[in-house]
Amino acid sequence: MALGDLEREVMTQLWDATGPLTVRQVHERLSRDRDLAYTTVMTVLDRLAKKGVVTQQRADRAYRYAPAQTREEMTAAVMLDALSATPDQDAALAYFVGQLPPDALAAAIEAANRK
């Protein structure tokens, strides 16, 4: 599932946090670099929860949000989704692998061998 720019920024804050965050905490972190309404952040987090990208945990009167997947798991899911959408998966995968720097390719091969 591809994310919009603001959704990616919100997810980065959640991934970088040491635990679940409230809307206010996410809003404060994002507001350091840009002017955003609190309700905009609340709407984005609500939509991400409805998509299953984040989990919502009730904490008193507020919700705390946490990523449903690690950054790596979500990246892999997006890549697999894109790959499954093409009729020639082998060609698309070969092209992708051909774009990897040698050290990344070696790391991918090593990880595949461990699995």
Protein backbone atom coordinates (compact mmCIF):
# COMPACT_ATOMS: atom_id res chain seq x y z
CA MET A 1 0.00 0.00 0.00
CA ALA A 2 1.52 3.26 -1.12
CA LEU A 3 1.38 6.19 1.29
CA GLY A 4 1.04 9.89 0.63
CA ASP A 5 3.72 12.38 1.68
CA LEU A 6 2.10 13.35 4.98
CA GLU A 7 1.27 9.72 5.77
CA ARG A 8 4.96 8.85 5.26
CA GLU A 9 6.01 11.69 7.55
CA VAL A 10 3.60 10.50 10.24
CA MET A 11 4.84 6.93 9.88
CA THR A 12 8.46 8.10 10.18
CA GLN A 13 7.61 9.74 13.51
CA LEU A 14 5.96 6.53 14.74
CA TRP A 15 8.83 4.32 13.54
CA ASP A 16 11.42 6.58 15.14
CA ALA A 17 9.59 6.71 18.49
CA THR A 18 10.43 4.38 21.36
CA GLY A 19 6.74 3.59 21.92
CA PRO A 20 3.20 4.50 20.87
CA LEU A 21 2.45 8.22 20.42
CA THR A 22 -0.66 10.33 20.88
CA VAL A 23 -1.96 12.66 18.16
CA ARG A 24 -0.57 15.57 20.15
CA GLN A 25 2.91 14.04 20.29
CA VAL A 26 2.94 13.34 16.55
CA HIS A 27 1.62 16.86 15.87
CA GLU A 28 4.34 18.44 18.04
CA ARG A 29 7.08 16.47 16.27
CA LEU A 30 5.81 17.31 12.80
CA SER A 31 5.20 20.97 13.67
CA ARG A 32 8.92 21.51 14.22
CA ASP A 33 9.43 21.49 10.45
CA ARG A 34 6.06 22.56 9.02
CA ASP A 35 2.79 24.25 9.91
CA LEU A 36 0.10 21.59 10.36
CA ALA A 37 -3.27 21.69 12.04
CA TYR A 38 -3.78 19.28 14.91
CA THR A 39 -6.95 18.01 13.22
CA THR A 40 -5.00 17.21 10.06
CA VAL A 41 -2.66 14.93 12.00
CA MET A 42 -5.65 13.38 13.78
CA THR A 43 -7.35 12.68 10.44
CA VAL A 44 -4.19 11.14 8.96
CA LEU A 45 -3.72 8.86 11.98
CA ASP A 46 -7.38 7.85 11.87
CA ARG A 47 -7.11 6.98 8.18
CA LEU A 48 -3.90 5.01 8.76
CA ALA A 49 -5.69 3.08 11.52
CA LYS A 50 -8.61 2.30 9.20
CA LYS A 51 -6.14 1.07 6.57
CA GLY A 52 -4.51 -1.17 9.19
CA VAL A 53 -1.16 0.59 8.88
CA VAL A 54 -1.15 1.69 12.54
CA THR A 55 -2.71 0.28 15.68
CA GLN A 56 -4.87 2.40 17.94
CA GLN A 57 -4.64 1.88 21.71
CA ARG A 58 -6.98 3.64 24.09
CA ALA A 59 -5.11 5.62 26.78
CA ASP A 60 -7.49 7.53 29.05
CA ARG A 61 -9.21 10.13 26.86
CA ALA A 62 -6.78 9.83 23.95
CA TYR A 63 -5.52 7.16 21.60
CA ARG A 64 -1.92 6.09 21.25
CA TYR A 65 -0.76 5.03 17.81
CA ALA A 66 1.95 2.56 16.86
CA PRO A 67 3.05 1.12 13.51
CA ALA A 68 1.39 -2.21 12.67
CA GLN A 69 4.60 -3.25 10.86
CA THR A 70 8.24 -2.31 11.01
CA ARG A 71 9.55 0.07 8.39
CA GLU A 72 11.29 -2.87 6.68
CA GLU A 73 8.15 -5.04 6.68
CA MET A 74 6.06 -2.26 5.19
CA THR A 75 8.66 -1.47 2.55
CA ALA A 76 8.76 -5.13 1.54
CA ALA A 77 4.94 -5.27 1.41
CA VAL A 78 4.81 -2.21 -0.87
CA MET A 79 7.49 -3.72 -3.12
CA LEU A 80 5.66 -7.06 -3.31
CA ASP A 81 2.39 -5.28 -4.04
CA ALA A 82 3.99 -3.34 -6.90
CA LEU A 83 5.65 -6.49 -8.21
CA SER A 84 2.39 -8.43 -8.18
CA ALA A 85 0.70 -5.69 -10.23
CA THR A 86 2.94 -6.23 -13.26
CA PRO A 87 2.30 -8.96 -15.82
CA ASP A 88 6.02 -9.75 -16.20
CA GLN A 89 7.22 -10.10 -12.63
CA ASP A 90 10.49 -11.77 -13.62
CA ALA A 91 11.48 -8.85 -15.87
CA ALA A 92 10.49 -6.25 -13.26
CA LEU A 93 12.41 -8.09 -10.53
CA ALA A 94 15.46 -8.51 -12.77
CA TYR A 95 15.41 -4.79 -13.55
CA PHE A 96 15.07 -3.92 -9.86
CA VAL A 97 17.93 -6.21 -8.83
CA GLY A 98 20.04 -4.74 -11.62
CA GLN A 99 19.62 -1.29 -10.07
CA LEU A 100 20.97 -2.37 -6.67
CA PRO A 101 24.49 -1.40 -5.69
CA PRO A 102 26.77 -4.46 -5.35
CA ASP A 103 26.85 -4.35 -1.54
CA ALA A 104 23.04 -4.22 -1.32
CA LEU A 105 22.76 -7.09 -3.79
CA ALA A 106 25.23 -9.15 -1.76
CA ALA A 107 23.26 -8.42 1.43
CA ALA A 108 20.01 -9.47 -0.28
CA ILE A 109 21.54 -12.72 -1.51
CA GLU A 110 22.95 -13.42 1.96
CA ALA A 111 19.54 -12.76 3.57
CA ALA A 112 17.83 -15.04 1.03
CA ASN A 113 20.31 -17.81 1.74
CA ARG A 114 19.62 -17.56 5.49
CA LYS A 115 15.90 -17.97 4.89
